[in-house]
Every structure is written in structure tokens, then in C-alpha cells.
Amino acid sequence: MRYGLSVKMGVKAGQRDTVAAILMRDVESIRDAGCDLYLVGVSDADPDALFATEVWASREAHRASLDLPAVQQAIAEAMPMLTGEFHQTEFDVIGGLGIPGAERS
């Protein structure tokens, strides 16, 4: 079953767009690692937050992606601009629009 992850991360004032650009860089490397869906979003209602939603082939594929050089570089660059406030939800993906081959099990 595919693995899903939704994260809200606090960003220091004025750094949201910079962190978003870092998160969107080198996305092809995570596709090759098993990422089916990667969304980064913002909300005018919460200007010091970024939102990310990811769908992976498996939880293991996601964990392995954290060791990729491009991901390690992005984490290192973004961390000083984050507040440390994270709200994360993991879930099993049972299907949906835009997820190739995802079927209800």
C-alpha cells in the first residue's frame, strides 16, 4: 500500500518563499526514489507556514529518500529558516485522483 504524509511546518517571518523554493528544487530526484505525488503549498491565512503533501510507493521509499544528496542539501539549507514547529500526519493511501494505479485494498 502507498504511504502518505502531510506536513505543516512553521517558517520564520519573511522566509516562506525561500523555503518553498528550496523544497521545490530537484524534485525529479524524489520521483526516481518512489515519490508519486509531491505538493508544496501556502495559505494567506497562515503566512508563516508551509504545507507539504506526499505520496510514496512505500514508507521505506520515503525513509530512503531522506538519504539522497539533494534531499540532504535541501534539509540543511531550509532548517535555519524553520521555527521547529511541525505537525505531521502519516496515512495509508487507499486511492484517489492523480495517483496512478492506486486502488482500494
Protein backbone atom coordinates (compact mmCIF):
# COMPACT_ATOMS: atom_id res chain seq x y z
CA MET A 1 0.00 0.00 0.00
CA ARG A 2 1.22 3.50 -0.78
CA TYR A 3 2.39 5.73 2.05
CA GLY A 4 1.10 9.27 2.51
CA LEU A 5 2.46 12.14 4.52
CA SER A 6 1.03 15.58 5.19
CA VAL A 7 3.12 18.18 6.99
CA LYS A 8 2.60 21.74 8.19
CA MET A 9 5.90 23.40 9.06
CA GLY A 10 6.46 26.73 10.76
CA VAL A 11 8.70 29.13 8.86
CA LYS A 12 10.44 32.19 10.27
CA ALA A 13 8.85 35.50 9.25
CA GLY A 14 9.72 36.50 5.71
CA GLN A 15 11.33 33.16 4.82
CA ARG A 16 8.32 31.26 3.43
CA ASP A 17 9.03 31.82 -0.27
CA THR A 18 12.72 30.99 0.12
CA VAL A 19 11.95 27.72 1.90
CA ALA A 20 9.27 26.87 -0.68
CA ALA A 21 11.80 27.34 -3.48
CA ILE A 22 14.25 25.04 -1.69
CA LEU A 23 11.56 22.38 -1.25
CA MET A 24 10.63 22.56 -4.95
CA ARG A 25 14.19 22.26 -6.22
CA ASP A 26 15.41 18.88 -7.52
CA VAL A 27 12.00 17.20 -7.28
CA GLU A 28 12.98 14.75 -10.04
CA SER A 29 15.34 13.03 -7.60
CA ILE A 30 12.45 12.10 -5.31
CA ARG A 31 10.30 10.92 -8.22
CA ASP A 32 13.04 8.47 -9.09
CA ALA A 33 13.12 7.35 -5.43
CA GLY A 34 9.44 6.34 -5.46
CA CYS A 35 7.50 9.55 -4.89
CA ASP A 36 4.19 9.57 -6.80
CA LEU A 37 2.91 12.93 -5.58
CA TYR A 38 4.68 15.92 -4.02
CA LEU A 39 2.79 19.13 -3.32
CA VAL A 40 4.05 22.27 -1.60
CA GLY A 41 1.50 24.91 -0.67
CA VAL A 42 0.98 28.17 1.16
CA SER A 43 -2.01 29.87 2.76
CA ASP A 44 -2.63 33.60 3.15
CA ALA A 45 -4.36 32.71 6.42
CA ASP A 46 -1.04 31.43 7.82
CA PRO A 47 1.82 33.37 6.19
CA ASP A 48 4.49 31.77 8.40
CA ALA A 49 3.72 28.19 7.41
CA LEU A 50 4.33 25.83 4.53
CA PHE A 51 2.31 22.74 3.74
CA ALA A 52 3.58 19.61 2.03
CA THR A 53 1.68 16.51 0.97
CA GLU A 54 3.50 13.48 -0.36
CA VAL A 55 2.52 10.05 -1.67
CA TRP A 56 5.22 7.38 -1.87
CA ALA A 57 5.41 3.83 -3.18
CA SER A 58 6.07 2.79 0.45
CA ARG A 59 7.13 4.13 3.85
CA GLU A 60 10.55 2.60 3.20
CA ALA A 61 10.93 4.53 -0.06
CA HIS A 62 10.19 7.77 1.79
CA ARG A 63 12.70 7.00 4.53
CA ALA A 64 15.36 6.05 1.98
CA SER A 65 14.77 9.35 0.14
CA LEU A 66 15.95 11.24 3.21
CA ASP A 67 19.47 9.97 2.47
CA LEU A 68 19.55 11.34 -1.09
CA PRO A 69 22.18 14.08 -1.55
CA ALA A 70 19.62 16.55 -2.99
CA VAL A 71 17.27 15.96 -0.05
CA GLN A 72 20.08 16.27 2.48
CA GLN A 73 21.13 19.57 0.86
CA ALA A 74 17.57 20.92 0.92
CA ILE A 75 17.15 19.98 4.59
CA ALA A 76 20.44 21.65 5.52
CA GLU A 77 19.51 24.87 3.68
CA ALA A 78 15.93 25.05 4.95
CA MET A 79 16.45 24.17 8.63
CA PRO A 80 17.81 27.58 9.74
CA MET A 81 14.67 29.22 8.30
CA LEU A 82 12.22 26.92 10.10
CA THR A 83 10.77 27.55 13.56
CA GLY A 84 10.80 23.90 14.61
CA GLU A 85 7.00 23.74 14.68
CA PHE A 86 5.89 20.68 12.71
CA HIS A 87 2.52 18.99 12.52
CA GLN A 88 2.76 15.71 10.63
CA THR A 89 0.18 13.10 9.69
CA GLU A 90 1.08 9.77 8.13
CA PHE A 91 -1.55 7.72 6.32
CA ASP A 92 -2.08 4.72 4.07
CA VAL A 93 -3.23 5.79 0.61
CA ILE A 94 -6.25 3.79 -0.46
CA GLY A 95 -6.78 5.55 -3.79
CA GLY A 96 -7.56 8.85 -5.38
CA LEU A 97 -7.37 11.03 -8.42
CA GLY A 98 -3.87 11.58 -9.74
CA ILE A 99 -2.27 8.54 -8.11
CA PRO A 100 -1.54 6.07 -10.93
CA GLY A 101 -2.63 2.54 -10.10
CA ALA A 102 -3.78 3.38 -6.55
CA GLU A 103 -6.68 1.10 -5.78
CA ARG A 104 -8.68 0.50 -2.66
CA SER A 105 -7.39 -2.62 -0.94
